[in-house]
PDB file of all heavy atoms in Angstrom:
ATOM      1  N   SER A   1       0.821  -1.213   0.000  1.00  0.00           N
ATOM      2  CA  SER A   1       0.000   0.000   0.000  1.00  0.00           C
ATOM      3  C   SER A   1       0.855   1.263   0.000  1.00  0.00           C
ATOM      4  O   SER A   1       0.433   2.299  -0.533  1.00  0.00           O
ATOM      5  CB  SER A   1      -0.934  -0.004   1.209  1.00  0.00           C
ATOM      6  OG  SER A   1      -1.835  -1.095   1.133  1.00  0.00           O
ATOM      7  N   ILE A   2       2.051   1.204   0.594  1.00  0.00           N
ATOM      8  CA  ILE A   2       2.956   2.360   0.542  1.00  0.00           C
ATOM      9  C   ILE A   2       3.316   2.669  -0.908  1.00  0.00           C
ATOM     10  O   ILE A   2       3.268   3.820  -1.354  1.00  0.00           O
ATOM     11  CB  ILE A   2       4.224   2.097   1.378  1.00  0.00           C
ATOM     12  CG1 ILE A   2       3.892   2.163   2.867  1.00  0.00           C
ATOM     13  CG2 ILE A   2       5.315   3.111   1.044  1.00  0.00           C
ATOM     14  CD1 ILE A   2       5.085   1.919   3.761  1.00  0.00           C
ATOM     15  N   PHE A   3       3.669   1.624  -1.666  1.00  0.00           N
ATOM     16  CA  PHE A   3       4.010   1.825  -3.075  1.00  0.00           C
ATOM     17  C   PHE A   3       2.809   2.334  -3.871  1.00  0.00           C
ATOM     18  O   PHE A   3       2.942   3.228  -4.706  1.00  0.00           O
ATOM     19  CB  PHE A   3       4.537   0.526  -3.675  1.00  0.00           C
ATOM     20  CG  PHE A   3       5.876   0.104  -3.145  1.00  0.00           C
ATOM     21  CD1 PHE A   3       6.034  -1.110  -2.479  1.00  0.00           C
ATOM     22  CD2 PHE A   3       6.992   0.903  -3.308  1.00  0.00           C
ATOM     23  CE1 PHE A   3       7.260  -1.497  -1.987  1.00  0.00           C
ATOM     24  CE2 PHE A   3       8.229   0.519  -2.823  1.00  0.00           C
ATOM     25  CZ  PHE A   3       8.373  -0.683  -2.154  1.00  0.00           C
ATOM     26  N   CYS A   4       1.628   1.775  -3.608  1.00  0.00           N
ATOM     27  CA  CYS A   4       0.422   2.204  -4.337  1.00  0.00           C
ATOM     28  C   CYS A   4       0.049   3.647  -3.990  1.00  0.00           C
ATOM     29  O   CYS A   4      -0.409   4.399  -4.850  1.00  0.00           O
ATOM     30  CB  CYS A   4      -0.744   1.264  -4.023  1.00  0.00           C
ATOM     31  SG  CYS A   4      -0.524  -0.407  -4.676  1.00  0.00           S
ATOM     32  N   GLY A   5       0.245   4.031  -2.733  1.00  0.00           N
ATOM     33  CA  GLY A   5      -0.010   5.415  -2.345  1.00  0.00           C
ATOM     34  C   GLY A   5       0.904   6.375  -3.072  1.00  0.00           C
ATOM     35  O   GLY A   5       0.503   7.480  -3.454  1.00  0.00           O
ATOM     36  N   GLY A   6       2.160   5.951  -3.295  1.00  0.00           N
ATOM     37  CA  GLY A   6       3.094   6.768  -4.060  1.00  0.00           C
ATOM     38  C   GLY A   6       2.653   6.952  -5.498  1.00  0.00           C
ATOM     39  O   GLY A   6       2.744   8.054  -6.058  1.00  0.00           O
ATOM     40  N   ILE A   7       2.159   5.875  -6.098  1.00  0.00           N
ATOM     41  CA  ILE A   7       1.680   5.956  -7.488  1.00  0.00           C
ATOM     42  C   ILE A   7       0.516   6.931  -7.597  1.00  0.00           C
ATOM     43  O   ILE A   7       0.501   7.824  -8.455  1.00  0.00           O
ATOM     44  CB  ILE A   7       1.256   4.558  -7.988  1.00  0.00           C
ATOM     45  CG1 ILE A   7       2.467   3.623  -8.055  1.00  0.00           C
ATOM     46  CG2 ILE A   7       0.593   4.656  -9.354  1.00  0.00           C
ATOM     47  CD1 ILE A   7       2.110   2.185  -8.360  1.00  0.00           C
ATOM     48  N   ASP A   8      -0.471   6.797  -6.728  1.00  0.00           N
ATOM     49  CA  ASP A   8      -1.661   7.659  -6.788  1.00  0.00           C
ATOM     50  C   ASP A   8      -1.298   9.132  -6.639  1.00  0.00           C
ATOM     51  O   ASP A   8      -1.799   9.996  -7.373  1.00  0.00           O
ATOM     52  CB  ASP A   8      -2.650   7.265  -5.682  1.00  0.00           C
ATOM     53  CG  ASP A   8      -3.355   5.954  -5.992  1.00  0.00           C
ATOM     54  OD1 ASP A   8      -3.339   5.554  -7.166  1.00  0.00           O
ATOM     55  OD2 ASP A   8      -3.903   5.339  -5.067  1.00  0.00           O
ATOM     56  N   THR A   9      -0.450   9.432  -5.677  1.00  0.00           N
ATOM     57  CA  THR A   9      -0.127  10.834  -5.378  1.00  0.00           C
ATOM     58  C   THR A   9       0.639  11.492  -6.519  1.00  0.00           C
ATOM     59  O   THR A   9       0.274  12.578  -6.992  1.00  0.00           O
ATOM     60  CB  THR A   9       0.698  10.914  -4.082  1.00  0.00           C
ATOM     61  OG1 THR A   9      -0.049  10.332  -3.005  1.00  0.00           O
ATOM     62  CG2 THR A   9       1.029  12.358  -3.741  1.00  0.00           C
ATOM     63  N   ILE A  10       1.719  10.860  -6.977  1.00  0.00           N
ATOM     64  CA  ILE A  10       2.580  11.467  -7.983  1.00  0.00           C
ATOM     65  C   ILE A  10       1.872  11.579  -9.329  1.00  0.00           C
ATOM     66  O   ILE A  10       2.009  12.586 -10.043  1.00  0.00           O
ATOM     67  CB  ILE A  10       3.890  10.668  -8.129  1.00  0.00           C
ATOM     68  CG1 ILE A  10       4.649  10.690  -6.814  1.00  0.00           C
ATOM     69  CG2 ILE A  10       4.757  11.247  -9.238  1.00  0.00           C
ATOM     70  CD1 ILE A  10       5.028  12.066  -6.336  1.00  0.00           C
ATOM     71  N   VAL A  11       1.084  10.575  -9.703  1.00  0.00           N
ATOM     72  CA  VAL A  11       0.398  10.608 -11.002  1.00  0.00           C
ATOM     73  C   VAL A  11      -0.523  11.823 -11.098  1.00  0.00           C
ATOM     74  O   VAL A  11      -0.495  12.566 -12.084  1.00  0.00           O
ATOM     75  CB  VAL A  11      -0.391   9.303 -11.228  1.00  0.00           C
ATOM     76  CG1 VAL A  11      -1.440   9.488 -12.308  1.00  0.00           C
ATOM     77  CG2 VAL A  11       0.551   8.174 -11.615  1.00  0.00           C
ATOM     78  N   ASN A  12      -1.328  12.054 -10.070  1.00  0.00           N
ATOM     79  CA  ASN A  12      -2.279  13.167 -10.127  1.00  0.00           C
ATOM     80  C   ASN A  12      -1.580  14.523 -10.081  1.00  0.00           C
ATOM     81  O   ASN A  12      -1.902  15.431 -10.858  1.00  0.00           O
ATOM     82  CB  ASN A  12      -3.282  13.051  -8.973  1.00  0.00           C
ATOM     83  CG  ASN A  12      -4.282  11.934  -9.181  1.00  0.00           C
ATOM     84  OD1 ASN A  12      -5.160  12.018 -10.013  1.00  0.00           O
ATOM     85  ND2 ASN A  12      -4.142  10.852  -8.416  1.00  0.00           N
ATOM     86  N   ALA A  13      -0.612  14.678  -9.186  1.00  0.00           N
ATOM     87  CA  ALA A  13       0.076  15.961  -9.054  1.00  0.00           C
ATOM     88  C   ALA A  13       0.881  16.290 -10.305  1.00  0.00           C
ATOM     89  O   ALA A  13       0.846  17.431 -10.801  1.00  0.00           O
ATOM     90  CB  ALA A  13       0.991  15.941  -7.828  1.00  0.00           C
ATOM     91  N   GLU A  14       1.603  15.318 -10.842  1.00  0.00           N
ATOM     92  CA  GLU A  14       2.436  15.561 -12.011  1.00  0.00           C
ATOM     93  C   GLU A  14       1.599  15.836 -13.255  1.00  0.00           C
ATOM     94  O   GLU A  14       1.955  16.658 -14.095  1.00  0.00           O
ATOM     95  CB  GLU A  14       3.350  14.359 -12.265  1.00  0.00           C
ATOM     96  CG  GLU A  14       4.651  14.414 -11.513  1.00  0.00           C
ATOM     97  CD  GLU A  14       5.444  15.665 -11.834  1.00  0.00           C
ATOM     98  OE1 GLU A  14       6.011  15.761 -12.941  1.00  0.00           O
ATOM     99  OE2 GLU A  14       5.486  16.574 -10.988  1.00  0.00           O
ATOM    100  N   HIS A  15       0.478  15.137 -13.361  1.00  0.00           N
ATOM    101  CA  HIS A  15      -0.367  15.348 -14.538  1.00  0.00           C
ATOM    102  C   HIS A  15      -0.864  16.789 -14.602  1.00  0.00           C
ATOM    103  O   HIS A  15      -0.791  17.433 -15.649  1.00  0.00           O
ATOM    104  CB  HIS A  15      -1.554  14.389 -14.517  1.00  0.00           C
ATOM    105  CG  HIS A  15      -2.518  14.626 -15.640  1.00  0.00           C
ATOM    106  ND1 HIS A  15      -2.341  14.082 -16.891  1.00  0.00           N
ATOM    107  CD2 HIS A  15      -3.630  15.381 -15.719  1.00  0.00           C
ATOM    108  CE1 HIS A  15      -3.313  14.488 -17.688  1.00  0.00           C
ATOM    109  NE2 HIS A  15      -4.109  15.265 -16.998  1.00  0.00           N
ATOM    110  N   ILE A  16      -1.350  17.293 -13.478  1.00  0.00           N
ATOM    111  CA  ILE A  16      -1.867  18.665 -13.468  1.00  0.00           C
ATOM    112  C   ILE A  16      -0.729  19.664 -13.643  1.00  0.00           C
ATOM    113  O   ILE A  16      -0.889  20.705 -14.294  1.00  0.00           O
ATOM    114  CB  ILE A  16      -2.630  18.912 -12.154  1.00  0.00           C
ATOM    115  CG1 ILE A  16      -3.910  18.053 -12.134  1.00  0.00           C
ATOM    116  CG2 ILE A  16      -2.980  20.383 -11.993  1.00  0.00           C
ATOM    117  CD1 ILE A  16      -4.739  18.185 -10.894  1.00  0.00           C
ATOM    118  N   ARG A  17       0.461  19.373 -13.097  1.00  0.00           N
ATOM    119  CA  ARG A  17       1.602  20.270 -13.269  1.00  0.00           C
ATOM    120  C   ARG A  17       2.000  20.368 -14.746  1.00  0.00           C
ATOM    121  O   ARG A  17       2.307  21.449 -15.253  1.00  0.00           O
ATOM    122  CB  ARG A  17       2.800  19.775 -12.454  1.00  0.00           C
ATOM    123  CG  ARG A  17       4.016  20.695 -12.541  1.00  0.00           C
ATOM    124  CD  ARG A  17       5.229  20.059 -11.913  1.00  0.00           C
ATOM    125  NE  ARG A  17       5.701  18.919 -12.693  1.00  0.00           N
ATOM    126  CZ  ARG A  17       6.481  19.014 -13.772  1.00  0.00           C
ATOM    127  NH1 ARG A  17       6.855  20.205 -14.222  1.00  0.00           N
ATOM    128  NH2 ARG A  17       6.880  17.927 -14.410  1.00  0.00           N
ATOM    129  N   ILE A  18       1.980  19.237 -15.452  1.00  0.00           N
ATOM    130  CA  ILE A  18       2.419  19.216 -16.848  1.00  0.00           C
ATOM    131  C   ILE A  18       1.408  19.882 -17.773  1.00  0.00           C
ATOM    132  O   ILE A  18       1.762  20.693 -18.630  1.00  0.00           O
ATOM    133  CB  ILE A  18       2.666  17.756 -17.297  1.00  0.00           C
ATOM    134  CG1 ILE A  18       3.875  17.171 -16.560  1.00  0.00           C
ATOM    135  CG2 ILE A  18       2.902  17.681 -18.811  1.00  0.00           C
ATOM    136  CD1 ILE A  18       4.055  15.676 -16.775  1.00  0.00           C
ATOM    137  N   TRP A  19       0.119  19.569 -17.587  1.00  0.00           N
ATOM    138  CA  TRP A  19      -0.881  19.982 -18.571  1.00  0.00           C
ATOM    139  C   TRP A  19      -1.648  21.230 -18.176  1.00  0.00           C
ATOM    140  O   TRP A  19      -2.348  21.811 -19.014  1.00  0.00           O
ATOM    141  CB  TRP A  19      -1.861  18.837 -18.829  1.00  0.00           C
ATOM    142  CG  TRP A  19      -1.175  17.652 -19.437  1.00  0.00           C
ATOM    143  CD1 TRP A  19      -0.871  16.475 -18.810  1.00  0.00           C
ATOM    144  CD2 TRP A  19      -0.679  17.533 -20.769  1.00  0.00           C
ATOM    145  NE1 TRP A  19      -0.221  15.641 -19.678  1.00  0.00           N
ATOM    146  CE2 TRP A  19      -0.084  16.261 -20.890  1.00  0.00           C
ATOM    147  CE3 TRP A  19      -0.683  18.378 -21.864  1.00  0.00           C
ATOM    148  CZ2 TRP A  19       0.496  15.808 -22.063  1.00  0.00           C
ATOM    149  CZ3 TRP A  19      -0.096  17.948 -23.047  1.00  0.00           C
ATOM    150  CH2 TRP A  19       0.480  16.668 -23.127  1.00  0.00           C
ATOM    151  N   GLY A  20      -1.578  21.632 -16.910  1.00  0.00           N
ATOM    152  CA  GLY A  20      -2.220  22.883 -16.508  1.00  0.00           C
ATOM    153  C   GLY A  20      -3.708  22.891 -16.761  1.00  0.00           C
ATOM    154  O   GLY A  20      -4.434  21.963 -16.406  1.00  0.00           O
ATOM    155  N   SER A  21      -4.195  23.947 -17.413  1.00  0.00           N
ATOM    156  CA  SER A  21      -5.636  24.115 -17.639  1.00  0.00           C
ATOM    157  C   SER A  21      -6.203  23.119 -18.640  1.00  0.00           C
ATOM    158  O   SER A  21      -7.416  22.978 -18.759  1.00  0.00           O
ATOM    159  CB  SER A  21      -5.927  25.540 -18.125  1.00  0.00           C
ATOM    160  OG  SER A  21      -5.231  25.797 -19.340  1.00  0.00           O
ATOM    161  N   ASP A  22      -5.330  22.431 -19.382  1.00  0.00           N
ATOM    162  CA  ASP A  22      -5.801  21.440 -20.365  1.00  0.00           C
ATOM    163  C   ASP A  22      -5.837  20.032 -19.775  1.00  0.00           C
ATOM    164  O   ASP A  22      -5.804  19.044 -20.504  1.00  0.00           O
ATOM    165  CB  ASP A  22      -4.873  21.438 -21.584  1.00  0.00           C
ATOM    166  CG  ASP A  22      -4.878  22.775 -22.305  1.00  0.00           C
ATOM    167  OD1 ASP A  22      -5.944  23.408 -22.341  1.00  0.00           O
ATOM    168  OD2 ASP A  22      -3.817  23.174 -22.819  1.00  0.00           O
ATOM    169  N   ASN A  23      -5.905  19.939 -18.448  1.00  0.00           N
ATOM    170  CA  ASN A  23      -5.715  18.644 -17.796  1.00  0.00           C
ATOM    171  C   ASN A  23      -6.931  17.732 -17.841  1.00  0.00           C
ATOM    172  O   ASN A  23      -6.779  16.513 -17.719  1.00  0.00           O
ATOM    173  CB  ASN A  23      -5.287  18.841 -16.340  1.00  0.00           C
ATOM    174  CG  ASN A  23      -6.406  19.399 -15.475  1.00  0.00           C
ATOM    175  OD1 ASN A  23      -7.341  18.711 -15.097  1.00  0.00           O
ATOM    176  ND2 ASN A  23      -6.305  20.680 -15.139  1.00  0.00           N
ATOM    177  N   GLN A  24      -8.156  18.270 -17.998  1.00  0.00           N
ATOM    178  CA  GLN A  24      -9.359  17.470 -17.761  1.00  0.00           C
ATOM    179  C   GLN A  24      -9.490  16.219 -18.643  1.00  0.00           C
ATOM    180  O   GLN A  24      -9.622  15.112 -18.119  1.00  0.00           O
ATOM    181  CB  GLN A  24     -10.602  18.348 -17.902  1.00  0.00           C
ATOM    182  CG  GLN A  24     -11.067  18.954 -16.597  1.00  0.00           C
ATOM    183  CD  GLN A  24     -11.370  17.925 -15.539  1.00  0.00           C
ATOM    184  OE1 GLN A  24     -12.251  17.092 -15.688  1.00  0.00           O
ATOM    185  NE2 GLN A  24     -10.627  17.951 -14.457  1.00  0.00           N
ATOM    186  N   PRO A  25      -9.467  16.324 -19.985  1.00  0.00           N
ATOM    187  CA  PRO A  25      -9.636  15.107 -20.789  1.00  0.00           C
ATOM    188  C   PRO A  25      -8.552  14.056 -20.522  1.00  0.00           C
ATOM    189  O   PRO A  25      -8.843  12.858 -20.419  1.00  0.00           O
ATOM    190  CB  PRO A  25      -9.565  15.625 -22.232  1.00  0.00           C
ATOM    191  CG  PRO A  25      -9.937  17.062 -22.142  1.00  0.00           C
ATOM    192  CD  PRO A  25      -9.388  17.522 -20.842  1.00  0.00           C
ATOM    193  N   LEU A  26      -7.301  14.520 -20.368  1.00  0.00           N
ATOM    194  CA  LEU A  26      -6.211  13.572 -20.152  1.00  0.00           C
ATOM    195  C   LEU A  26      -6.243  12.991 -18.748  1.00  0.00           C
ATOM    196  O   LEU A  26      -5.872  11.839 -18.531  1.00  0.00           O
ATOM    197  CB  LEU A  26      -4.869  14.264 -20.412  1.00  0.00           C
ATOM    198  CG  LEU A  26      -4.645  14.673 -21.872  1.00  0.00           C
ATOM    199  CD1 LEU A  26      -3.396  15.524 -22.008  1.00  0.00           C
ATOM    200  CD2 LEU A  26      -4.539  13.452 -22.764  1.00  0.00           C
ATOM    201  N   LEU A  27      -6.699  13.776 -17.775  1.00  0.00           N
ATOM    202  CA  LEU A  27      -6.847  13.248 -16.423  1.00  0.00           C
ATOM    203  C   LEU A  27      -7.941  12.190 -16.387  1.00  0.00           C
ATOM    204  O   LEU A  27      -7.812  11.160 -15.701  1.00  0.00           O
ATOM    205  CB  LEU A  27      -7.174  14.390 -15.453  1.00  0.00           C
ATOM    206  CG  LEU A  27      -7.164  14.046 -13.959  1.00  0.00           C
ATOM    207  CD1 LEU A  27      -5.796  13.521 -13.541  1.00  0.00           C
ATOM    208  CD2 LEU A  27      -7.529  15.262 -13.120  1.00  0.00           C
ATOM    209  N   GLN A  28      -9.026  12.417 -17.120  1.00  0.00           N
ATOM    210  CA  GLN A  28     -10.070  11.400 -17.222  1.00  0.00           C
ATOM    211  C   GLN A  28      -9.524  10.141 -17.895  1.00  0.00           C
ATOM    212  O   GLN A  28      -9.889   9.020 -17.540  1.00  0.00           O
ATOM    213  CB  GLN A  28     -11.266  11.942 -18.024  1.00  0.00           C
ATOM    214  CG  GLN A  28     -12.037  13.052 -17.334  1.00  0.00           C
ATOM    215  CD  GLN A  28     -12.877  12.565 -16.176  1.00  0.00           C
ATOM    216  OE1 GLN A  28     -13.037  11.373 -15.960  1.00  0.00           O
ATOM    217  NE2 GLN A  28     -13.414  13.497 -15.399  1.00  0.00           N
ATOM    218  N   PHE A  29      -8.631  10.316 -18.868  1.00  0.00           N
ATOM    219  CA  PHE A  29      -8.045   9.157 -19.547  1.00  0.00           C
ATOM    220  C   PHE A  29      -7.185   8.334 -18.594  1.00  0.00           C
ATOM    221  O   PHE A  29      -7.231   7.098 -18.598  1.00  0.00           O
ATOM    222  CB  PHE A  29      -7.200   9.616 -20.738  1.00  0.00           C
ATOM    223  CG  PHE A  29      -6.539   8.478 -21.467  1.00  0.00           C
ATOM    224  CD1 PHE A  29      -7.267   7.660 -22.308  1.00  0.00           C
ATOM    225  CD2 PHE A  29      -5.194   8.211 -21.285  1.00  0.00           C
ATOM    226  CE1 PHE A  29      -6.665   6.600 -22.978  1.00  0.00           C
ATOM    227  CE2 PHE A  29      -4.581   7.164 -21.949  1.00  0.00           C
ATOM    228  CZ  PHE A  29      -5.315   6.354 -22.796  1.00  0.00           C
ATOM    229  N   ILE A  30      -6.395   9.012 -17.764  1.00  0.00           N
ATOM    230  CA  ILE A  30      -5.575   8.296 -16.778  1.00  0.00           C
ATOM    231  C   ILE A  30      -6.460   7.470 -15.843  1.00  0.00           C
ATOM    232  O   ILE A  30      -6.172   6.307 -15.548  1.00  0.00           O
ATOM    233  CB  ILE A  30      -4.712   9.295 -15.977  1.00  0.00           C
ATOM    234  CG1 ILE A  30      -3.522   9.757 -16.827  1.00  0.00           C
ATOM    235  CG2 ILE A  30      -4.203   8.675 -14.679  1.00  0.00           C
ATOM    236  CD1 ILE A  30      -2.620  10.731 -16.125  1.00  0.00           C
ATOM    237  N   HIS A  31      -7.541   8.060 -15.375  1.00  0.00           N
ATOM    238  CA  HIS A  31      -8.419   7.331 -14.454  1.00  0.00           C
ATOM    239  C   HIS A  31      -9.251   6.282 -15.189  1.00  0.00           C
ATOM    240  O   HIS A  31      -9.709   5.321 -14.575  1.00  0.00           O
ATOM    241  CB  HIS A  31      -9.299   8.325 -13.692  1.00  0.00           C
ATOM    242  CG  HIS A  31      -8.537   9.094 -12.651  1.00  0.00           C
ATOM    243  ND1 HIS A  31      -8.356   8.637 -11.372  1.00  0.00           N
ATOM    244  CD2 HIS A  31      -7.870  10.270 -12.723  1.00  0.00           C
ATOM    245  CE1 HIS A  31      -7.636   9.498 -10.684  1.00  0.00           C
ATOM    246  NE2 HIS A  31      -7.324  10.513 -11.485  1.00  0.00           N
ATOM    247  N   PHE A  32      -9.436   6.440 -16.486  1.00  0.00           N
ATOM    248  CA  PHE A  32     -10.056   5.375 -17.278  1.00  0.00           C
ATOM    249  C   PHE A  32      -9.169   4.127 -17.280  1.00  0.00           C
ATOM    250  O   PHE A  32      -9.660   3.008 -17.159  1.00  0.00           O
ATOM    251  CB  PHE A  32     -10.287   5.848 -18.709  1.00  0.00           C
ATOM    252  CG  PHE A  32     -10.430   4.724 -19.705  1.00  0.00           C
ATOM    253  CD1 PHE A  32     -11.567   3.918 -19.708  1.00  0.00           C
ATOM    254  CD2 PHE A  32      -9.426   4.455 -20.627  1.00  0.00           C
ATOM    255  CE1 PHE A  32     -11.693   2.873 -20.613  1.00  0.00           C
ATOM    256  CE2 PHE A  32      -9.542   3.420 -21.527  1.00  0.00           C
ATOM    257  CZ  PHE A  32     -10.682   2.619 -21.522  1.00  0.00           C
ATOM    258  N   THR A  33      -7.860   4.311 -17.411  1.00  0.00           N
ATOM    259  CA  THR A  33      -6.971   3.143 -17.413  1.00  0.00           C
ATOM    260  C   THR A  33      -6.990   2.430 -16.066  1.00  0.00           C
ATOM    261  O   THR A  33      -6.838   1.209 -15.993  1.00  0.00           O
ATOM    262  CB  THR A  33      -5.532   3.554 -17.768  1.00  0.00           C
ATOM    263  OG1 THR A  33      -5.044   4.480 -16.788  1.00  0.00           O
ATOM    264  CG2 THR A  33      -5.465   4.193 -19.139  1.00  0.00           C
ATOM    265  N   PHE A  34      -7.190   3.185 -14.996  1.00  0.00           N
ATOM    266  CA  PHE A  34      -7.359   2.562 -13.673  1.00  0.00           C
ATOM    267  C   PHE A  34      -8.596   1.666 -13.650  1.00  0.00           C
ATOM    268  O   PHE A  34      -8.568   0.537 -13.168  1.00  0.00           O
ATOM    269  CB  PHE A  34      -7.481   3.649 -12.604  1.00  0.00           C
ATOM    270  CG  PHE A  34      -7.948   3.138 -11.266  1.00  0.00           C
ATOM    271  CD1 PHE A  34      -7.088   2.464 -10.426  1.00  0.00           C
ATOM    272  CD2 PHE A  34      -9.258   3.334 -10.863  1.00  0.00           C
ATOM    273  CE1 PHE A  34      -7.527   1.995  -9.196  1.00  0.00           C
ATOM    274  CE2 PHE A  34      -9.705   2.870  -9.637  1.00  0.00           C
ATOM    275  CZ  PHE A  34      -8.828   2.194  -8.798  1.00  0.00           C
ATOM    276  N   ALA A  35      -9.696   2.185 -14.186  1.00  0.00           N
ATOM    277  CA  ALA A  35     -10.926   1.394 -14.237  1.00  0.00           C
ATOM    278  C   ALA A  35     -10.759   0.177 -15.141  1.00  0.00           C
ATOM    279  O   ALA A  35     -11.312  -0.898 -14.870  1.00  0.00           O
ATOM    280  CB  ALA A  35     -12.084   2.266 -14.731  1.00  0.00           C
ATOM    281  N   LEU A  36     -10.007   0.336 -16.233  1.00  0.00           N
ATOM    282  CA  LEU A  36      -9.763  -0.794 -17.128  1.00  0.00           C
ATOM    283  C   LEU A  36      -9.040  -1.919 -16.397  1.00  0.00           C
ATOM    284  O   LEU A  36      -9.336  -3.104 -16.592  1.00  0.00           O
ATOM    285  CB  LEU A  36      -8.938  -0.330 -18.336  1.00  0.00           C
ATOM    286  CG  LEU A  36      -8.666  -1.367 -19.421  1.00  0.00           C
ATOM    287  CD1 LEU A  36      -9.972  -1.859 -20.029  1.00  0.00           C
ATOM    288  CD2 LEU A  36      -7.753  -0.785 -20.498  1.00  0.00           C
ATOM    289  N   GLY A  37      -8.102  -1.564 -15.542  1.00  0.00           N
ATOM    290  CA  GLY A  37      -7.444  -2.576 -14.723  1.00  0.00           C
ATOM    291  C   GLY A  37      -8.421  -3.281 -13.800  1.00  0.00           C
ATOM    292  O   GLY A  37      -8.312  -4.494 -13.566  1.00  0.00           O
ATOM    293  N   GLY A  38      -9.400  -2.532 -13.283  1.00  0.00           N
ATOM    294  CA  GLY A  38     -10.423  -3.152 -12.446  1.00  0.00           C
ATOM    295  C   GLY A  38     -11.303  -4.119 -13.202  1.00  0.00           C
ATOM    296  O   GLY A  38     -11.806  -5.090 -12.635  1.00  0.00           O
ATOM    297  N   VAL A  39     -11.504  -3.869 -14.516  1.00  0.00           N
ATOM    298  CA  VAL A  39     -12.282  -4.803 -15.339  1.00  0.00           C
ATOM    299  C   VAL A  39     -11.506  -6.102 -15.558  1.00  0.00           C
ATOM    300  O   VAL A  39     -12.054  -7.204 -15.481  1.00  0.00           O
ATOM    301  CB  VAL A  39     -12.634  -4.155 -16.696  1.00  0.00           C
ATOM    302  CG1 VAL A  39     -13.318  -5.168 -17.606  1.00  0.00           C
ATOM    303  CG2 VAL A  39     -13.532  -2.952 -16.485  1.00  0.00           C
TER     304      VAL A  39
END
């Protein structure tokens, strides 16, 4: 869970830092891949 917590935190923070105001569609895409893993 320590490793998984690291993945969750850095992915979200870095994504918004990189893409700024254009983050929404790509952020939804990242979380779509999470759901795909759940399938």
